[in-house]
């Protein structure tokens, strides 16, 4: 279950010399400014707006906008506009950015490793193969010579590439192998017929 929503964070309190429209006291008005942010699992992602609450410390009354004279309304608007919120309200975005960077680096490292595995295959390497639009299987390298890579086909297929690791069991591979020329293997990789190369 994803817990999400929005919350308010207090970002500042200012004083006003205006008269309270309820009790007439001068100088007792406090303008509290809050900034709302979206959160997921209580981790703030980004702010979405500000809100002001004006109260009189003399009569403990919250001054609604409709009760305010124009000068006080403009003053509240000014403080709300210029109030700066804390950076932690962007912490979720920062976390997402970091995760994206880590993911990009991991993909680049995986691609680099796969190129090495393709150039210097070893017995036991596993090629995740795309057979059709919704058909995937795996091949296990059983032997390598100067020109060819010999692979044992997996007996099973699956309809989602993300579940291919479930097929990678010794008992699922056929007891025979066939050779693929190294150039053909590279062409299959470049054409995305081989989706991933894993080295055990």
N, C-alpha and C. Protein backbone atom coordinates (compact mmCIF):
# COMPACT_ATOMS: atom_id res chain seq x y z
N UNK A 1 0.83 -1.18 0.00
CA UNK A 1 0.00 0.00 0.00
C UNK A 1 0.88 1.25 0.00
N UNK A 2 0.63 2.15 -0.92
CA UNK A 2 1.41 3.40 -1.02
C UNK A 2 0.71 4.47 -0.20
N UNK A 3 1.44 5.03 0.75
CA UNK A 3 0.91 6.12 1.57
C UNK A 3 1.41 7.43 1.00
N UNK A 4 0.48 8.27 0.56
CA UNK A 4 0.88 9.53 -0.05
C UNK A 4 -0.13 10.61 0.35
N UNK A 5 0.24 11.85 0.11
CA UNK A 5 -0.65 12.97 0.42
C UNK A 5 0.15 14.25 0.46
N UNK A 6 -0.34 15.20 1.25
CA UNK A 6 0.39 16.46 1.39
C UNK A 6 0.30 16.92 2.84
N UNK A 7 1.33 17.67 3.25
CA UNK A 7 1.41 18.16 4.62
C UNK A 7 1.90 19.60 4.60
N UNK A 8 1.66 20.28 5.71
CA UNK A 8 2.11 21.66 5.87
C UNK A 8 3.34 21.71 6.78
N UNK A 9 4.27 22.58 6.44
CA UNK A 9 5.44 22.83 7.29
C UNK A 9 5.49 24.32 7.60
N UNK A 10 5.65 24.64 8.87
CA UNK A 10 5.73 26.05 9.28
C UNK A 10 7.06 26.63 8.82
N UNK A 11 7.03 27.75 8.09
CA UNK A 11 8.28 28.31 7.56
C UNK A 11 8.55 29.73 8.04
N UNK A 12 7.66 30.29 8.84
CA UNK A 12 7.97 31.63 9.35
C UNK A 12 6.79 32.29 10.05
N UNK A 13 7.12 33.20 10.98
CA UNK A 13 6.11 34.00 11.67
C UNK A 13 6.55 35.46 11.65
N UNK A 14 5.64 36.33 11.24
CA UNK A 14 5.92 37.77 11.19
C UNK A 14 4.87 38.51 12.02
N UNK A 15 5.24 39.71 12.47
CA UNK A 15 4.33 40.55 13.26
C UNK A 15 3.80 41.69 12.41
N UNK A 16 2.58 42.11 12.71
CA UNK A 16 1.96 43.23 12.01
C UNK A 16 1.52 44.29 13.02
N UNK A 17 1.66 45.56 12.65
CA UNK A 17 1.22 46.66 13.50
C UNK A 17 -0.23 47.04 13.24
N UNK A 18 -0.89 46.31 12.37
CA UNK A 18 -2.28 46.63 12.05
C UNK A 18 -3.18 46.36 13.25
N UNK A 19 -4.33 47.02 13.28
CA UNK A 19 -5.31 46.79 14.34
C UNK A 19 -6.04 45.47 14.09
N UNK A 20 -6.33 44.78 15.17
CA UNK A 20 -7.11 43.55 15.07
C UNK A 20 -8.55 43.91 14.69
N UNK A 21 -9.08 43.34 13.63
CA UNK A 21 -10.46 43.66 13.24
C UNK A 21 -11.49 43.10 14.21
N UNK A 22 -11.05 42.26 15.15
CA UNK A 22 -11.99 41.68 16.12
C UNK A 22 -12.04 42.47 17.42
N UNK A 23 -10.83 42.77 17.99
CA UNK A 23 -10.80 43.46 19.30
C UNK A 23 -10.22 44.87 19.21
N UNK A 24 -9.65 45.23 18.08
CA UNK A 24 -9.11 46.57 17.91
C UNK A 24 -7.71 46.76 18.43
N UNK A 25 -7.11 45.73 19.05
CA UNK A 25 -5.75 45.83 19.60
C UNK A 25 -4.76 46.06 18.46
N UNK A 26 -3.80 46.96 18.70
CA UNK A 26 -2.79 47.24 17.69
C UNK A 26 -1.47 46.54 18.05
N UNK A 27 -0.83 45.96 17.05
CA UNK A 27 0.49 45.34 17.24
C UNK A 27 0.45 43.93 17.77
N UNK A 28 -0.72 43.38 17.90
CA UNK A 28 -0.80 42.01 18.44
C UNK A 28 -1.02 40.94 17.40
N UNK A 29 -0.95 41.31 16.11
CA UNK A 29 -1.21 40.33 15.06
C UNK A 29 0.06 39.56 14.69
N UNK A 30 -0.09 38.25 14.57
CA UNK A 30 1.00 37.37 14.13
C UNK A 30 0.57 36.70 12.83
N UNK A 31 1.47 36.73 11.86
CA UNK A 31 1.19 36.12 10.56
C UNK A 31 2.08 34.89 10.42
N UNK A 32 1.46 33.72 10.46
CA UNK A 32 2.20 32.46 10.36
C UNK A 32 2.11 31.97 8.92
N UNK A 33 3.25 31.62 8.35
CA UNK A 33 3.28 31.14 6.97
C UNK A 33 3.70 29.67 6.96
N UNK A 34 2.98 28.90 6.17
CA UNK A 34 3.23 27.47 6.02
C UNK A 34 3.44 27.15 4.54
N UNK A 35 4.26 26.16 4.28
CA UNK A 35 4.41 25.70 2.90
C UNK A 35 3.97 24.23 2.82
N UNK A 36 3.11 23.96 1.88
CA UNK A 36 2.58 22.61 1.69
C UNK A 36 3.50 21.81 0.77
N UNK A 37 3.68 20.53 1.09
CA UNK A 37 4.49 19.68 0.21
C UNK A 37 3.82 18.32 0.03
N UNK A 38 4.09 17.73 -1.12
CA UNK A 38 3.62 16.37 -1.42
C UNK A 38 4.58 15.39 -0.78
N UNK A 39 4.04 14.31 -0.23
CA UNK A 39 4.91 13.28 0.36
C UNK A 39 4.45 11.89 -0.06
N UNK A 40 5.42 10.96 -0.09
CA UNK A 40 5.14 9.54 -0.25
C UNK A 40 5.84 8.83 0.89
N UNK A 41 5.08 8.04 1.64
CA UNK A 41 5.60 7.40 2.86
C UNK A 41 6.26 8.44 3.77
N UNK A 42 5.65 9.59 3.86
CA UNK A 42 6.08 10.72 4.70
C UNK A 42 7.43 11.30 4.30
N UNK A 43 7.93 10.92 3.14
CA UNK A 43 9.15 11.53 2.60
C UNK A 43 8.71 12.69 1.71
N UNK A 44 9.07 13.93 2.05
CA UNK A 44 8.63 15.07 1.24
C UNK A 44 9.28 15.05 -0.14
N UNK A 45 8.45 15.28 -1.17
CA UNK A 45 8.96 15.29 -2.54
C UNK A 45 9.24 16.69 -3.03
N UNK A 46 8.22 17.56 -3.00
CA UNK A 46 8.38 18.92 -3.48
C UNK A 46 7.23 19.77 -2.94
N UNK A 47 7.46 21.08 -2.75
CA UNK A 47 6.41 21.97 -2.26
C UNK A 47 5.41 22.30 -3.36
N UNK A 48 4.17 22.55 -2.95
CA UNK A 48 3.12 22.85 -3.94
C UNK A 48 2.37 24.14 -3.64
N UNK A 49 2.78 24.88 -2.64
CA UNK A 49 2.09 26.15 -2.36
C UNK A 49 2.26 26.58 -0.92
N UNK A 50 1.85 27.80 -0.65
CA UNK A 50 1.96 28.36 0.69
C UNK A 50 0.59 28.75 1.23
N UNK A 51 0.52 28.79 2.55
CA UNK A 51 -0.71 29.17 3.23
C UNK A 51 -0.35 30.07 4.41
N UNK A 52 -1.18 31.07 4.66
CA UNK A 52 -0.94 31.97 5.78
C UNK A 52 -2.10 31.88 6.78
N UNK A 53 -1.74 31.96 8.05
CA UNK A 53 -2.74 32.03 9.12
C UNK A 53 -2.41 33.25 9.97
N UNK A 54 -3.37 34.15 10.11
CA UNK A 54 -3.17 35.37 10.89
C UNK A 54 -3.99 35.27 12.17
N UNK A 55 -3.33 35.55 13.30
CA UNK A 55 -4.04 35.48 14.58
C UNK A 55 -3.72 36.70 15.43
N UNK A 56 -4.65 37.03 16.29
CA UNK A 56 -4.45 38.12 17.25
C UNK A 56 -4.05 37.51 18.58
N UNK A 57 -2.90 37.92 19.11
CA UNK A 57 -2.43 37.37 20.38
C UNK A 57 -3.17 37.98 21.56
N UNK A 58 -3.89 39.06 21.32
CA UNK A 58 -4.66 39.69 22.40
C UNK A 58 -5.98 38.98 22.66
N UNK A 59 -6.70 38.66 21.58
CA UNK A 59 -8.01 38.01 21.76
C UNK A 59 -8.03 36.56 21.28
N UNK A 60 -6.86 36.07 20.85
CA UNK A 60 -6.74 34.68 20.40
C UNK A 60 -7.73 34.32 19.29
N UNK A 61 -7.93 35.26 18.37
CA UNK A 61 -8.84 35.03 17.26
C UNK A 61 -8.05 34.87 15.97
N UNK A 62 -8.45 33.89 15.18
CA UNK A 62 -7.87 33.76 13.84
C UNK A 62 -8.57 34.75 12.93
N UNK A 63 -7.78 35.56 12.24
CA UNK A 63 -8.33 36.60 11.38
C UNK A 63 -8.47 36.04 9.97
N UNK A 64 -9.71 35.83 9.57
CA UNK A 64 -9.96 35.33 8.23
C UNK A 64 -9.75 36.44 7.21
N UNK A 65 -9.52 36.04 5.95
CA UNK A 65 -9.25 37.00 4.88
C UNK A 65 -10.38 38.00 4.71
N UNK A 66 -11.63 37.54 4.83
CA UNK A 66 -12.77 38.44 4.64
C UNK A 66 -12.89 39.49 5.75
N UNK A 67 -12.19 39.26 6.88
CA UNK A 67 -12.23 40.23 7.99
C UNK A 67 -11.14 41.29 7.84
N UNK A 68 -10.18 41.06 6.95
CA UNK A 68 -9.00 41.93 6.87
C UNK A 68 -9.28 43.18 6.04
N UNK A 69 -8.73 44.29 6.52
CA UNK A 69 -8.71 45.50 5.70
C UNK A 69 -7.66 45.30 4.59
N UNK A 70 -7.76 46.09 3.55
CA UNK A 70 -6.88 45.92 2.40
C UNK A 70 -5.40 46.01 2.76
N UNK A 71 -4.96 46.95 3.61
CA UNK A 71 -3.53 47.01 3.96
C UNK A 71 -3.03 45.73 4.63
N UNK A 72 -3.84 45.17 5.53
CA UNK A 72 -3.44 43.94 6.20
C UNK A 72 -3.41 42.77 5.21
N UNK A 73 -4.36 42.73 4.31
CA UNK A 73 -4.40 41.67 3.30
C UNK A 73 -3.14 41.72 2.44
N UNK A 74 -2.72 42.91 2.04
CA UNK A 74 -1.50 43.05 1.24
C UNK A 74 -0.25 42.67 2.03
N UNK A 75 -0.27 42.99 3.32
CA UNK A 75 0.87 42.65 4.18
C UNK A 75 1.01 41.12 4.31
N UNK A 76 -0.11 40.47 4.53
CA UNK A 76 -0.11 39.00 4.62
C UNK A 76 0.39 38.40 3.30
N UNK A 77 -0.09 38.94 2.19
CA UNK A 77 0.31 38.46 0.87
C UNK A 77 1.81 38.64 0.66
N UNK A 78 2.35 39.77 1.11
CA UNK A 78 3.78 40.04 0.97
C UNK A 78 4.61 39.03 1.75
N UNK A 79 4.23 38.80 3.02
CA UNK A 79 4.99 37.86 3.85
C UNK A 79 4.92 36.44 3.28
N UNK A 80 3.74 36.07 2.78
CA UNK A 80 3.59 34.72 2.21
C UNK A 80 4.47 34.56 0.98
N UNK A 81 4.49 35.58 0.12
CA UNK A 81 5.26 35.51 -1.12
C UNK A 81 6.75 35.42 -0.84
N UNK A 82 7.24 36.11 0.16
CA UNK A 82 8.67 36.21 0.40
C UNK A 82 9.21 35.22 1.42
N UNK A 83 8.34 34.43 2.03
CA UNK A 83 8.80 33.44 3.00
C UNK A 83 9.53 32.31 2.27
N UNK A 84 10.70 31.98 2.77
CA UNK A 84 11.50 30.91 2.16
C UNK A 84 11.34 29.64 2.97
N UNK A 85 11.09 28.56 2.28
CA UNK A 85 10.89 27.27 2.95
C UNK A 85 12.19 26.51 3.10
N UNK A 86 12.17 25.46 3.93
CA UNK A 86 13.37 24.65 4.15
C UNK A 86 13.68 23.74 2.96
N UNK A 87 14.95 23.47 2.78
CA UNK A 87 15.38 22.62 1.66
C UNK A 87 14.94 21.17 1.84
N UNK A 88 14.68 20.75 3.09
CA UNK A 88 14.31 19.35 3.28
C UNK A 88 12.98 19.01 2.60
N UNK A 89 12.19 20.02 2.23
CA UNK A 89 10.95 19.73 1.52
C UNK A 89 11.22 19.22 0.10
N UNK A 90 12.47 19.32 -0.35
CA UNK A 90 12.85 18.79 -1.66
C UNK A 90 13.63 17.47 -1.51
N UNK A 91 13.73 16.93 -0.29
CA UNK A 91 14.59 15.76 -0.06
C UNK A 91 14.16 14.54 -0.88
N UNK A 92 12.85 14.39 -1.10
CA UNK A 92 12.38 13.27 -1.92
C UNK A 92 12.87 13.37 -3.35
N UNK A 93 12.82 14.60 -3.91
CA UNK A 93 13.33 14.80 -5.28
C UNK A 93 14.82 14.51 -5.34
N UNK A 94 15.55 14.95 -4.29
CA UNK A 94 17.00 14.70 -4.26
C UNK A 94 17.27 13.19 -4.21
N UNK A 95 16.46 12.47 -3.42
CA UNK A 95 16.62 11.02 -3.32
C UNK A 95 16.33 10.35 -4.66
N UNK A 96 15.27 10.78 -5.35
CA UNK A 96 14.94 10.23 -6.66
C UNK A 96 16.07 10.50 -7.65
N UNK A 97 16.63 11.72 -7.60
CA UNK A 97 17.73 12.08 -8.49
C UNK A 97 18.94 11.17 -8.25
N UNK A 98 19.25 10.93 -6.99
CA UNK A 98 20.39 10.07 -6.65
C UNK A 98 20.14 8.65 -7.15
N UNK A 99 18.91 8.15 -6.96
CA UNK A 99 18.59 6.80 -7.40
C UNK A 99 18.68 6.67 -8.93
N UNK A 100 18.25 7.72 -9.63
CA UNK A 100 18.35 7.71 -11.09
C UNK A 100 19.81 7.66 -11.53
N UNK A 101 20.66 8.47 -10.88
CA UNK A 101 22.09 8.48 -11.21
C UNK A 101 22.72 7.12 -10.93
N UNK A 102 22.38 6.54 -9.76
CA UNK A 102 22.91 5.21 -9.41
C UNK A 102 22.45 4.19 -10.44
N UNK A 103 21.18 4.28 -10.86
CA UNK A 103 20.66 3.36 -11.86
C UNK A 103 21.37 3.49 -13.19
N UNK A 104 21.63 4.73 -13.62
CA UNK A 104 22.33 4.96 -14.88
C UNK A 104 23.75 4.39 -14.82
N UNK A 105 24.43 4.62 -13.70
CA UNK A 105 25.79 4.10 -13.53
C UNK A 105 25.78 2.57 -13.55
N UNK A 106 24.77 1.98 -12.87
CA UNK A 106 24.68 0.52 -12.84
C UNK A 106 24.45 -0.05 -14.23
N UNK A 107 23.59 0.62 -15.01
CA UNK A 107 23.32 0.16 -16.38
C UNK A 107 24.58 0.26 -17.23
N UNK A 108 25.31 1.37 -17.09
CA UNK A 108 26.55 1.55 -17.85
C UNK A 108 27.58 0.48 -17.48
N UNK A 109 27.67 0.18 -16.18
CA UNK A 109 28.61 -0.86 -15.73
C UNK A 109 28.20 -2.22 -16.28
N UNK A 110 26.87 -2.49 -16.25
CA UNK A 110 26.37 -3.76 -16.78
C UNK A 110 26.69 -3.89 -18.27
N UNK A 111 26.47 -2.79 -19.01
CA UNK A 111 26.76 -2.81 -20.45
C UNK A 111 28.24 -3.04 -20.70
N UNK A 112 29.08 -2.39 -19.88
CA UNK A 112 30.53 -2.57 -20.02
C UNK A 112 30.92 -4.01 -19.73
N UNK A 113 30.35 -4.58 -18.66
CA UNK A 113 30.64 -5.98 -18.32
C UNK A 113 30.17 -6.92 -19.43
N UNK A 114 28.96 -6.65 -19.96
CA UNK A 114 28.43 -7.51 -21.01
C UNK A 114 29.31 -7.47 -22.26
N UNK A 115 29.87 -6.31 -22.57
CA UNK A 115 30.76 -6.22 -23.73
C UNK A 115 32.00 -7.07 -23.50
N UNK A 116 32.50 -7.06 -22.27
CA UNK A 116 33.65 -7.91 -21.93
C UNK A 116 33.28 -9.39 -22.04
N UNK A 117 32.07 -9.74 -21.54
CA UNK A 117 31.63 -11.14 -21.61
C UNK A 117 31.44 -11.59 -23.06
N UNK A 118 31.00 -10.64 -23.90
CA UNK A 118 30.79 -10.95 -25.31
C UNK A 118 32.13 -11.16 -26.02
N UNK A 119 33.12 -10.34 -25.68
CA UNK A 119 34.44 -10.43 -26.31
C UNK A 119 35.23 -11.64 -25.82
N UNK A 120 35.00 -12.01 -24.54
CA UNK A 120 35.75 -13.14 -23.97
C UNK A 120 34.78 -14.06 -23.23
N UNK A 121 33.95 -14.80 -23.96
CA UNK A 121 32.96 -15.67 -23.32
C UNK A 121 33.62 -16.81 -22.54
N UNK A 122 32.91 -17.24 -21.48
CA UNK A 122 33.39 -18.34 -20.66
C UNK A 122 32.28 -19.37 -20.51
N UNK A 123 32.67 -20.61 -20.33
CA UNK A 123 31.70 -21.66 -20.05
C UNK A 123 30.94 -21.31 -18.77
N UNK A 124 29.62 -21.41 -18.83
CA UNK A 124 28.78 -21.06 -17.69
C UNK A 124 28.08 -19.73 -17.85
N UNK A 125 28.53 -18.89 -18.79
CA UNK A 125 27.82 -17.63 -19.06
C UNK A 125 26.40 -17.94 -19.51
N UNK A 126 25.47 -17.05 -19.16
CA UNK A 126 24.07 -17.23 -19.53
C UNK A 126 23.63 -16.06 -20.39
N UNK A 127 23.07 -16.37 -21.54
CA UNK A 127 22.52 -15.35 -22.44
C UNK A 127 21.00 -15.36 -22.31
N UNK A 128 20.43 -14.23 -21.98
CA UNK A 128 18.98 -14.10 -21.95
C UNK A 128 18.52 -13.71 -23.35
N UNK A 129 17.71 -14.56 -23.97
CA UNK A 129 17.39 -14.42 -25.38
C UNK A 129 15.92 -14.07 -25.60
N UNK A 130 15.69 -13.14 -26.52
CA UNK A 130 14.34 -12.80 -26.94
C UNK A 130 14.01 -13.59 -28.20
N UNK A 131 12.93 -14.38 -28.12
CA UNK A 131 12.53 -15.19 -29.26
C UNK A 131 11.48 -14.51 -30.11
N UNK A 132 10.58 -13.78 -29.45
CA UNK A 132 9.50 -13.08 -30.14
C UNK A 132 9.00 -11.95 -29.27
N UNK A 133 7.85 -11.39 -29.63
CA UNK A 133 7.36 -10.22 -28.89
C UNK A 133 7.03 -10.54 -27.44
N UNK A 134 6.57 -11.76 -27.16
CA UNK A 134 6.25 -12.15 -25.78
C UNK A 134 6.83 -13.52 -25.47
N UNK A 135 8.03 -13.76 -25.93
CA UNK A 135 8.65 -15.06 -25.73
C UNK A 135 10.14 -14.88 -25.44
N UNK A 136 10.57 -15.41 -24.28
CA UNK A 136 11.95 -15.25 -23.85
C UNK A 136 12.46 -16.58 -23.30
N UNK A 137 13.75 -16.79 -23.46
CA UNK A 137 14.38 -17.99 -22.91
C UNK A 137 15.84 -17.66 -22.58
N UNK A 138 16.61 -18.67 -22.26
CA UNK A 138 18.02 -18.43 -21.97
C UNK A 138 18.87 -19.53 -22.60
N UNK A 139 20.13 -19.21 -22.82
CA UNK A 139 21.13 -20.13 -23.38
C UNK A 139 22.31 -20.17 -22.42
N UNK A 140 22.84 -21.35 -22.17
CA UNK A 140 24.00 -21.46 -21.29
C UNK A 140 25.22 -21.89 -22.10
N UNK A 141 26.29 -21.14 -21.95
CA UNK A 141 27.53 -21.46 -22.67
C UNK A 141 28.14 -22.72 -22.07
N UNK A 142 28.42 -23.69 -22.95
CA UNK A 142 29.02 -24.94 -22.50
C UNK A 142 30.48 -25.10 -22.93
N UNK A 143 30.83 -24.42 -24.04
CA UNK A 143 32.22 -24.50 -24.52
C UNK A 143 32.49 -23.31 -25.45
N UNK A 144 33.77 -23.00 -25.60
CA UNK A 144 34.18 -21.87 -26.43
C UNK A 144 35.41 -22.28 -27.22
N UNK A 145 35.42 -21.94 -28.50
CA UNK A 145 36.66 -22.10 -29.26
C UNK A 145 36.97 -20.78 -29.97
N UNK A 146 37.93 -20.79 -30.85
CA UNK A 146 38.40 -19.55 -31.47
C UNK A 146 37.32 -18.85 -32.29
N UNK A 147 36.45 -19.61 -32.93
CA UNK A 147 35.45 -19.03 -33.82
C UNK A 147 34.03 -19.03 -33.26
N UNK A 148 33.71 -19.99 -32.41
CA UNK A 148 32.32 -20.19 -32.02
C UNK A 148 32.14 -20.31 -30.52
N UNK A 149 30.90 -20.05 -30.12
CA UNK A 149 30.48 -20.25 -28.74
C UNK A 149 29.40 -21.32 -28.77
N UNK A 150 29.54 -22.35 -27.94
CA UNK A 150 28.58 -23.45 -27.92
C UNK A 150 27.64 -23.27 -26.73
N UNK A 151 26.34 -23.35 -27.03
CA UNK A 151 25.34 -23.07 -26.01
C UNK A 151 24.34 -24.22 -25.90
N UNK A 152 23.87 -24.43 -24.68
CA UNK A 152 22.78 -25.38 -24.43
C UNK A 152 21.50 -24.57 -24.30
N UNK A 153 20.47 -24.89 -25.10
CA UNK A 153 19.22 -24.14 -25.00
C UNK A 153 18.42 -24.53 -23.76
N UNK A 154 17.68 -23.57 -23.25
CA UNK A 154 16.78 -23.84 -22.14
C UNK A 154 15.54 -24.55 -22.68
N UNK A 155 15.05 -25.49 -21.94
CA UNK A 155 13.88 -26.26 -22.37
C UNK A 155 12.60 -25.42 -22.32
N UNK A 156 12.64 -24.33 -21.52
CA UNK A 156 11.41 -23.57 -21.28
C UNK A 156 11.50 -22.16 -21.84
N UNK A 157 10.32 -21.58 -22.04
CA UNK A 157 10.19 -20.18 -22.43
C UNK A 157 9.30 -19.48 -21.42
N UNK A 158 9.37 -18.16 -21.43
CA UNK A 158 8.56 -17.37 -20.50
C UNK A 158 8.08 -16.12 -21.23
N UNK A 159 6.99 -15.52 -20.78
CA UNK A 159 6.43 -14.39 -21.54
C UNK A 159 6.84 -13.02 -21.00
N UNK A 160 7.72 -12.99 -19.98
CA UNK A 160 8.20 -11.71 -19.46
C UNK A 160 9.70 -11.77 -19.27
N UNK A 161 10.40 -10.79 -19.85
CA UNK A 161 11.86 -10.78 -19.77
C UNK A 161 12.34 -10.64 -18.33
N UNK A 162 11.58 -9.92 -17.52
CA UNK A 162 11.99 -9.69 -16.15
C UNK A 162 12.01 -10.94 -15.29
N UNK A 163 11.36 -12.01 -15.75
CA UNK A 163 11.30 -13.25 -14.98
C UNK A 163 12.26 -14.32 -15.49
N UNK A 164 13.18 -13.94 -16.37
CA UNK A 164 14.08 -14.92 -16.99
C UNK A 164 14.97 -15.64 -15.98
N UNK A 165 15.29 -14.98 -14.89
CA UNK A 165 16.16 -15.63 -13.90
C UNK A 165 15.51 -16.88 -13.32
N UNK A 166 14.18 -16.95 -13.39
CA UNK A 166 13.47 -18.13 -12.87
C UNK A 166 13.77 -19.38 -13.71
N UNK A 167 14.12 -19.17 -14.97
CA UNK A 167 14.41 -20.31 -15.86
C UNK A 167 15.83 -20.82 -15.70
N UNK A 168 16.71 -20.01 -15.11
CA UNK A 168 18.14 -20.33 -15.07
C UNK A 168 18.44 -21.37 -13.99
N UNK A 169 18.05 -22.60 -14.30
CA UNK A 169 18.33 -23.74 -13.42
C UNK A 169 19.01 -24.82 -14.25
N UNK A 170 19.99 -25.48 -13.66
CA UNK A 170 20.78 -26.47 -14.39
C UNK A 170 19.89 -27.53 -15.05
N UNK A 171 18.86 -27.97 -14.33
CA UNK A 171 18.02 -29.05 -14.86
C UNK A 171 17.15 -28.61 -16.04
N UNK A 172 17.06 -27.28 -16.28
CA UNK A 172 16.22 -26.79 -17.39
C UNK A 172 16.94 -26.78 -18.74
N UNK A 173 18.27 -26.93 -18.72
CA UNK A 173 19.02 -26.85 -19.98
C UNK A 173 19.10 -28.21 -20.66
N UNK A 174 18.97 -28.18 -21.98
CA UNK A 174 19.01 -29.41 -22.78
C UNK A 174 20.38 -30.09 -22.66
N UNK A 175 20.44 -31.40 -22.86
CA UNK A 175 21.73 -32.10 -22.73
C UNK A 175 22.61 -32.00 -23.97
N UNK A 176 22.21 -31.16 -24.94
CA UNK A 176 23.03 -31.00 -26.15
C UNK A 176 23.34 -29.51 -26.34
N UNK A 177 24.36 -29.23 -27.15
CA UNK A 177 24.76 -27.86 -27.42
C UNK A 177 24.88 -27.65 -28.93
N UNK A 178 24.80 -26.42 -29.34
CA UNK A 178 25.05 -26.07 -30.73
C UNK A 178 25.92 -24.80 -30.77
N UNK A 179 26.65 -24.64 -31.87
CA UNK A 179 27.58 -23.53 -31.97
C UNK A 179 26.98 -22.30 -32.63
N UNK A 180 27.38 -21.14 -32.13
CA UNK A 180 27.03 -19.86 -32.73
C UNK A 180 28.34 -19.14 -33.02
N UNK A 181 28.53 -18.72 -34.26
CA UNK A 181 29.76 -17.99 -34.61
C UNK A 181 29.82 -16.70 -33.79
N UNK A 182 31.01 -16.35 -33.36
CA UNK A 182 31.18 -15.16 -32.52
C UNK A 182 30.60 -13.90 -33.17
N UNK A 183 30.78 -13.75 -34.48
CA UNK A 183 30.23 -12.58 -35.18
C UNK A 183 28.71 -12.59 -35.15
N UNK A 184 28.12 -13.78 -35.29
CA UNK A 184 26.66 -13.89 -35.23
C UNK A 184 26.15 -13.57 -33.82
N UNK A 185 26.93 -13.99 -32.84
CA UNK A 185 26.55 -13.72 -31.45
C UNK A 185 26.54 -12.22 -31.17
N UNK A 186 27.56 -11.52 -31.68
CA UNK A 186 27.62 -10.07 -31.51
C UNK A 186 26.47 -9.38 -32.25
N UNK A 187 26.14 -9.91 -33.42
CA UNK A 187 25.02 -9.34 -34.19
C UNK A 187 23.71 -9.54 -33.43
N UNK A 188 23.54 -10.69 -32.80
CA UNK A 188 22.33 -10.94 -31.99
C UNK A 188 22.25 -9.98 -30.82
N UNK A 189 23.39 -9.68 -30.20
CA UNK A 189 23.42 -8.75 -29.07
C UNK A 189 23.07 -7.34 -29.52
N UNK A 190 23.65 -6.92 -30.63
CA UNK A 190 23.40 -5.57 -31.14
C UNK A 190 21.96 -5.40 -31.62
N UNK A 191 21.33 -6.51 -32.05
CA UNK A 191 19.93 -6.47 -32.50
C UNK A 191 18.95 -6.68 -31.35
N UNK A 192 19.45 -6.73 -30.11
CA UNK A 192 18.63 -6.94 -28.91
C UNK A 192 17.92 -8.29 -28.91
N UNK A 193 18.48 -9.25 -29.64
CA UNK A 193 17.97 -10.62 -29.52
C UNK A 193 18.56 -11.27 -28.27
N UNK A 194 19.76 -10.84 -27.90
CA UNK A 194 20.32 -11.21 -26.60
C UNK A 194 20.16 -9.98 -25.71
N UNK A 195 19.34 -10.11 -24.69
CA UNK A 195 18.98 -8.96 -23.86
C UNK A 195 20.01 -8.68 -22.78
N UNK A 196 20.57 -9.75 -22.24
CA UNK A 196 21.50 -9.58 -21.12
C UNK A 196 22.42 -10.77 -21.08
N UNK A 197 23.65 -10.52 -20.63
CA UNK A 197 24.62 -11.60 -20.44
C UNK A 197 24.99 -11.63 -18.97
N UNK A 198 24.82 -12.77 -18.36
CA UNK A 198 25.15 -12.91 -16.94
C UNK A 198 26.28 -13.93 -16.77
N UNK A 199 27.21 -13.57 -15.93
CA UNK A 199 28.33 -14.47 -15.64
C UNK A 199 28.17 -14.98 -14.22
N UNK A 200 28.18 -16.26 -14.07
CA UNK A 200 27.98 -16.86 -12.74
C UNK A 200 29.20 -16.75 -11.89
